Amino acid sequence: MPQIELHPEAAIEVEETVSWYEEKVKGLGLEFLNEFENVLQKITHSPNFWLKYKFGTYRFFLHRFPYAVIYRKGKKKVQVIAVMHLHRKPFYWKRR
């Protein structure tokens, strides 16, 4: 099973998103974080299963939130390169 590695900017995106949702509704940030962690578990168990995307990446959509996890897979690790909002700045992450 590959290890998950978060790109530093992806980690910041998660933190900012959790904070934003938590400011809107108490507990919603935690719900986002729980869904994100569930997505990481699914990616770890089956990194080839999810949608091939662009620039050699894969994309996994969150169910309750308008976000997708963009990742690259290697033999020993999966690198999450972005936690992308689906309605803002497409492909901003491609230089990561």
Protein backbone atom coordinates (compact mmCIF):
# COMPACT_ATOMS: atom_id res chain seq x y z
CA MET A 1 0.00 0.00 0.00
CA PRO A 2 1.52 3.38 -0.98
CA GLN A 3 2.10 6.19 1.48
CA ILE A 4 0.23 9.47 1.11
CA GLU A 5 2.28 12.65 0.85
CA LEU A 6 0.62 16.07 0.80
CA HIS A 7 2.26 18.79 -1.25
CA PRO A 8 2.82 21.73 1.15
CA GLU A 9 0.40 23.91 -0.82
CA ALA A 10 -2.24 21.17 -0.75
CA ALA A 11 -1.89 20.99 3.04
CA ILE A 12 -2.46 24.76 3.21
CA GLU A 13 -5.55 24.40 1.01
CA VAL A 14 -6.99 21.83 3.41
CA GLU A 15 -6.32 24.04 6.44
CA GLU A 16 -7.83 27.12 4.78
CA THR A 17 -10.90 25.19 3.63
CA VAL A 18 -11.48 23.69 7.08
CA SER A 19 -11.22 27.18 8.62
CA TRP A 20 -13.55 28.72 6.04
CA TYR A 21 -16.27 26.09 6.56
CA GLU A 22 -15.86 26.25 10.33
CA GLU A 23 -16.42 30.04 10.25
CA LYS A 24 -19.64 29.54 8.26
CA VAL A 25 -21.13 26.75 10.39
CA LYS A 26 -19.61 25.32 13.54
CA GLY A 27 -18.67 21.69 12.91
CA LEU A 28 -18.78 21.94 9.11
CA GLY A 29 -15.01 22.33 8.89
CA LEU A 30 -14.60 19.08 10.80
CA GLU A 31 -17.05 17.38 8.43
CA PHE A 32 -14.96 18.56 5.47
CA LEU A 33 -11.80 17.23 7.15
CA ASN A 34 -13.45 13.86 7.86
CA GLU A 35 -14.53 13.50 4.23
CA PHE A 36 -11.06 14.50 3.04
CA GLU A 37 -9.46 11.87 5.29
CA ASN A 38 -11.89 9.22 4.00
CA VAL A 39 -10.90 10.13 0.44
CA LEU A 40 -7.22 9.71 1.33
CA GLN A 41 -7.94 6.21 2.70
CA LYS A 42 -9.74 5.23 -0.50
CA ILE A 43 -6.92 6.59 -2.66
CA THR A 44 -4.36 4.70 -0.56
CA HIS A 45 -6.20 1.40 -1.00
CA SER A 46 -6.96 1.81 -4.73
CA PRO A 47 -4.86 4.59 -6.33
CA ASN A 48 -5.52 3.31 -9.87
CA PHE A 49 -9.30 3.14 -9.49
CA TRP A 50 -10.13 6.85 -9.67
CA LEU A 51 -10.45 9.08 -12.71
CA LYS A 52 -7.36 9.79 -14.78
CA TYR A 53 -7.24 13.52 -15.20
CA LYS A 54 -4.67 15.81 -16.83
CA PHE A 55 -0.91 16.26 -16.65
CA GLY A 56 -0.37 12.69 -15.40
CA THR A 57 -2.72 13.07 -12.45
CA TYR A 58 -5.84 11.45 -11.04
CA ARG A 59 -8.90 13.17 -9.60
CA PHE A 60 -11.23 12.11 -6.79
CA PHE A 61 -14.37 14.15 -6.12
CA LEU A 62 -15.55 14.79 -2.58
CA HIS A 63 -19.25 13.96 -2.23
CA ARG A 64 -20.58 16.71 0.04
CA PHE A 65 -18.27 19.55 -0.90
CA PRO A 66 -17.36 21.15 -4.25
CA TYR A 67 -13.76 19.93 -4.14
CA ALA A 68 -11.58 17.34 -5.81
CA VAL A 69 -8.34 15.80 -4.64
CA ILE A 70 -5.73 15.87 -7.41
CA TYR A 71 -2.91 13.36 -7.02
CA ARG A 72 -0.03 11.63 -8.75
CA LYS A 73 0.84 8.04 -8.02
CA GLY A 74 4.21 6.40 -7.82
CA LYS A 75 5.29 2.90 -6.85
CA LYS A 76 5.74 3.69 -3.16
CA LYS A 77 3.82 6.90 -2.63
CA VAL A 78 0.83 8.91 -3.73
CA GLN A 79 1.38 12.66 -3.77
CA VAL A 80 -1.67 14.85 -3.27
CA ILE A 81 -0.81 17.97 -5.23
CA ALA A 82 -4.03 19.94 -4.80
CA VAL A 83 -7.34 20.06 -2.98
CA MET A 84 -9.09 21.98 -5.70
CA HIS A 85 -12.35 23.92 -5.49
CA LEU A 86 -14.37 22.87 -8.52
CA HIS A 87 -15.60 26.36 -9.40
CA ARG A 88 -12.39 28.39 -9.11
CA LYS A 89 -9.12 28.74 -11.03
CA PRO A 90 -8.87 25.48 -12.98
CA PHE A 91 -5.36 24.06 -13.38
CA TYR A 92 -3.73 26.55 -10.98
CA TRP A 93 -1.90 23.57 -9.49
CA LYS A 94 -0.30 22.19 -12.67
CA ARG A 95 3.18 23.58 -11.89
CA ARG A 96 3.39 21.67 -8.60
